[in-house]
Amino acid sequence: ASLPGADDSRDLGARVRSAFDPTAERNLDRLARYRIGLAVIRDHPILGIGPEGVVANYERYAGLAQTEGPSHLHNTFLQLLAERGPLGLAAWVVAVTAAMLHALRAVSRVGPEARGAAAGVGLALLGVLALGVFNYHWEDWRVRALTLVLLGLAWAPAVTGPAKPEGSPPRDETSG
């Protein structure tokens, strides 16, 4: 049995070692895509190249390096900076980070019935940020839909509790 997406001809140890090998073909492709992203950012530093602009203009930048073909930059932060500029990247990072922190902070203030949901939403959003370092997953509609649902759940009173005035005492979980 192998991991989904794993190359069946290699064992897991070899696959893990190849992830840190700068001469591995997949890593050379990834580095080439990073160079393409940096070139796009250099050419469009303020507003980015526009949504879907990396793929639409890929051939123009592909001369910089050989890659497997037009796709994404394998890094959400780089992709958003290249396509939407610094403000677009900042808006996405702030939205996801604020929702994640709101949900994780709720773990200590909500009752036991909502604690798992708040922790799950917060940790899933942490996963969205972490995965973004290694891939551009926003182009997949399923990941985008799940992320939007998580963003909504992070602010839902059923998950993170009702808003309380600043400085109010902690909730008494022993009373009903």
Protein backbone atom coordinates (compact mmCIF):
# COMPACT_ATOMS: atom_id res chain seq x y z
CA ALA A 1 0.00 0.00 0.00
CA SER A 2 1.32 3.41 -0.87
CA LEU A 3 0.34 6.93 -0.01
CA PRO A 4 -2.07 8.63 -2.42
CA GLY A 5 -0.05 10.52 -4.99
CA ALA A 6 3.16 8.72 -4.08
CA ASP A 7 5.32 7.24 -6.77
CA ASP A 8 4.85 3.47 -6.37
CA SER A 9 8.34 2.73 -7.68
CA ARG A 10 10.02 4.40 -4.68
CA ASP A 11 9.75 3.81 -0.99
CA LEU A 12 8.52 6.46 1.40
CA GLY A 13 12.03 7.10 2.79
CA ALA A 14 13.35 7.90 -0.67
CA ARG A 15 10.45 10.22 -1.29
CA VAL A 16 11.05 12.08 1.99
CA ARG A 17 14.79 12.37 1.24
CA SER A 18 14.05 13.68 -2.26
CA ALA A 19 11.99 16.50 -0.73
CA PHE A 20 15.25 17.96 0.62
CA ASP A 21 17.36 17.25 -2.47
CA PRO A 22 17.81 20.48 -4.44
CA THR A 23 18.71 18.47 -7.56
CA ALA A 24 15.52 16.37 -7.55
CA GLU A 25 13.40 17.03 -10.64
CA ARG A 26 10.30 18.03 -8.69
CA ASN A 27 12.35 20.51 -6.62
CA LEU A 28 13.98 21.99 -9.71
CA ASP A 29 10.51 22.54 -11.16
CA ARG A 30 9.33 24.14 -7.92
CA LEU A 31 12.36 26.47 -7.82
CA ALA A 32 11.75 27.41 -11.46
CA ARG A 33 8.18 28.34 -10.58
CA TYR A 34 9.41 30.45 -7.67
CA ARG A 35 11.72 32.32 -10.08
CA ILE A 36 8.79 32.90 -12.42
CA GLY A 37 6.73 34.25 -9.51
CA LEU A 38 9.50 36.60 -8.45
CA ALA A 39 9.80 37.89 -12.03
CA VAL A 40 6.04 38.56 -12.13
CA ILE A 41 6.28 40.40 -8.81
CA ARG A 42 9.20 42.45 -10.11
CA ASP A 43 7.18 43.43 -13.20
CA HIS A 44 3.93 44.08 -11.27
CA PRO A 45 4.95 45.14 -7.74
CA ILE A 46 1.93 47.24 -6.75
CA LEU A 47 -1.30 45.54 -7.88
CA GLY A 48 0.06 42.24 -9.14
CA ILE A 49 -0.58 40.79 -12.58
CA GLY A 50 -4.26 40.18 -11.81
CA PRO A 51 -6.37 37.13 -10.92
CA GLU A 52 -5.35 34.10 -13.00
CA GLY A 53 -2.61 36.31 -14.47
CA VAL A 54 0.21 33.88 -13.73
CA VAL A 55 -1.36 31.14 -15.87
CA ALA A 56 -2.49 33.60 -18.56
CA ASN A 57 1.01 35.05 -18.87
CA TYR A 58 2.96 31.89 -18.11
CA GLU A 59 4.45 31.51 -21.61
CA ARG A 60 5.86 35.03 -21.37
CA TYR A 61 7.78 34.09 -18.22
CA ALA A 62 8.43 30.41 -19.00
CA GLY A 63 11.63 31.29 -20.84
CA LEU A 64 13.16 31.91 -17.43
CA ALA A 65 13.10 28.21 -16.59
CA GLN A 66 11.79 24.88 -17.75
CA THR A 67 8.70 23.73 -15.87
CA GLU A 68 6.07 21.09 -16.45
CA GLY A 69 3.73 23.66 -17.96
CA PRO A 70 1.47 26.53 -16.98
CA SER A 71 -0.09 26.06 -13.62
CA HIS A 72 0.56 27.72 -10.29
CA LEU A 73 3.61 28.80 -8.30
CA HIS A 74 3.43 26.06 -5.61
CA ASN A 75 3.20 28.69 -2.86
CA THR A 76 -0.01 30.48 -1.90
CA PHE A 77 1.79 33.53 -0.54
CA LEU A 78 3.94 33.94 -3.66
CA GLN A 79 0.95 33.32 -5.95
CA LEU A 80 -1.22 35.90 -4.19
CA LEU A 81 1.59 38.45 -4.15
CA ALA A 82 2.20 37.90 -7.88
CA GLU A 83 -1.49 38.04 -8.83
CA ARG A 84 -3.02 40.45 -6.30
CA GLY A 85 -0.06 42.50 -5.06
CA PRO A 86 0.93 43.29 -1.48
CA LEU A 87 -2.54 44.51 -0.44
CA GLY A 88 -4.25 41.40 -1.80
CA LEU A 89 -1.78 39.13 -0.04
CA ALA A 90 -2.11 41.09 3.20
CA ALA A 91 -5.92 40.95 3.05
CA TRP A 92 -5.88 37.15 2.62
CA VAL A 93 -3.30 36.61 5.38
CA VAL A 94 -5.13 38.92 7.80
CA ALA A 95 -8.52 37.30 7.08
CA VAL A 96 -7.29 33.73 7.59
CA THR A 97 -5.04 34.58 10.56
CA ALA A 98 -7.72 36.64 12.34
CA ALA A 99 -10.29 33.86 11.92
CA MET A 100 -7.81 31.23 13.09
CA LEU A 101 -6.84 33.22 16.19
CA HIS A 102 -10.48 34.02 16.99
CA ALA A 103 -11.37 30.32 16.87
CA LEU A 104 -8.32 29.23 18.89
CA ARG A 105 -8.92 31.89 21.55
CA ALA A 106 -12.53 30.71 21.80
CA VAL A 107 -11.35 27.31 23.04
CA SER A 108 -10.72 28.76 26.50
CA ARG A 109 -13.94 30.77 26.71
CA VAL A 110 -16.65 28.52 25.26
CA GLY A 111 -18.38 25.65 26.98
CA PRO A 112 -17.26 22.08 26.52
CA GLU A 113 -19.90 21.47 23.84
CA ALA A 114 -18.21 23.95 21.48
CA ARG A 115 -14.58 23.51 22.48
CA GLY A 116 -13.84 20.78 19.94
CA ALA A 117 -15.46 22.72 17.10
CA ALA A 118 -13.55 25.90 17.93
CA ALA A 119 -10.25 24.01 18.17
CA GLY A 120 -10.98 22.10 14.96
CA VAL A 121 -11.79 25.24 13.00
CA GLY A 122 -8.72 27.08 14.35
CA LEU A 123 -6.35 24.20 13.66
CA ALA A 124 -7.81 23.61 10.20
CA LEU A 125 -7.16 27.27 9.36
CA LEU A 126 -3.61 26.88 10.69
CA GLY A 127 -3.33 23.98 8.25
CA VAL A 128 -4.53 26.22 5.41
CA LEU A 129 -1.74 28.68 6.20
CA ALA A 130 0.89 25.96 6.58
CA LEU A 131 -0.09 24.20 3.36
CA GLY A 132 0.16 27.54 1.59
CA VAL A 133 3.92 27.52 2.08
CA PHE A 134 4.22 24.35 0.00
CA ASN A 135 1.45 24.67 -2.55
CA TYR A 136 -1.10 27.00 -4.11
CA HIS A 137 -4.28 25.23 -3.13
CA TRP A 138 -6.70 28.13 -3.64
CA GLU A 139 -7.23 27.20 -7.31
CA ASP A 140 -8.93 23.94 -6.25
CA TRP A 141 -12.62 24.78 -5.77
CA ARG A 142 -12.97 22.14 -3.03
CA VAL A 143 -10.18 23.66 -0.95
CA ARG A 144 -11.51 27.15 -1.61
CA ALA A 145 -15.04 26.13 -0.54
CA LEU A 146 -13.77 24.40 2.60
CA THR A 147 -11.61 27.41 3.49
CA LEU A 148 -14.56 29.78 3.07
CA VAL A 149 -16.72 27.53 5.27
CA LEU A 150 -13.97 27.48 7.92
CA LEU A 151 -13.70 31.27 7.76
CA GLY A 152 -17.44 31.53 8.36
CA LEU A 153 -17.43 28.96 11.15
CA ALA A 154 -14.61 30.79 12.93
CA TRP A 155 -16.96 33.72 13.51
CA ALA A 156 -20.14 31.68 14.12
CA PRO A 157 -21.48 32.10 17.69
CA ALA A 158 -22.33 28.36 17.82
CA VAL A 159 -18.62 27.57 17.40
CA THR A 160 -16.80 30.42 19.08
CA GLY A 161 -19.45 31.64 21.50
CA PRO A 162 -21.49 34.83 21.64
CA ALA A 163 -19.72 38.14 21.75
CA LYS A 164 -19.07 39.30 25.33
CA PRO A 165 -18.20 42.76 26.55
CA GLU A 166 -14.53 43.37 27.17
CA GLY A 167 -13.47 42.44 30.69
CA SER A 168 -16.49 40.23 31.41
CA PRO A 169 -15.88 37.30 33.75
CA PRO A 170 -15.16 33.84 32.29
CA ARG A 171 -18.16 31.65 31.59
CA ASP A 172 -19.22 29.40 34.46
CA GLU A 173 -19.36 25.93 32.91
CA THR A 174 -20.95 24.33 35.98
CA SER A 175 -24.21 26.25 35.73
CA GLY A 176 -26.73 25.44 33.03
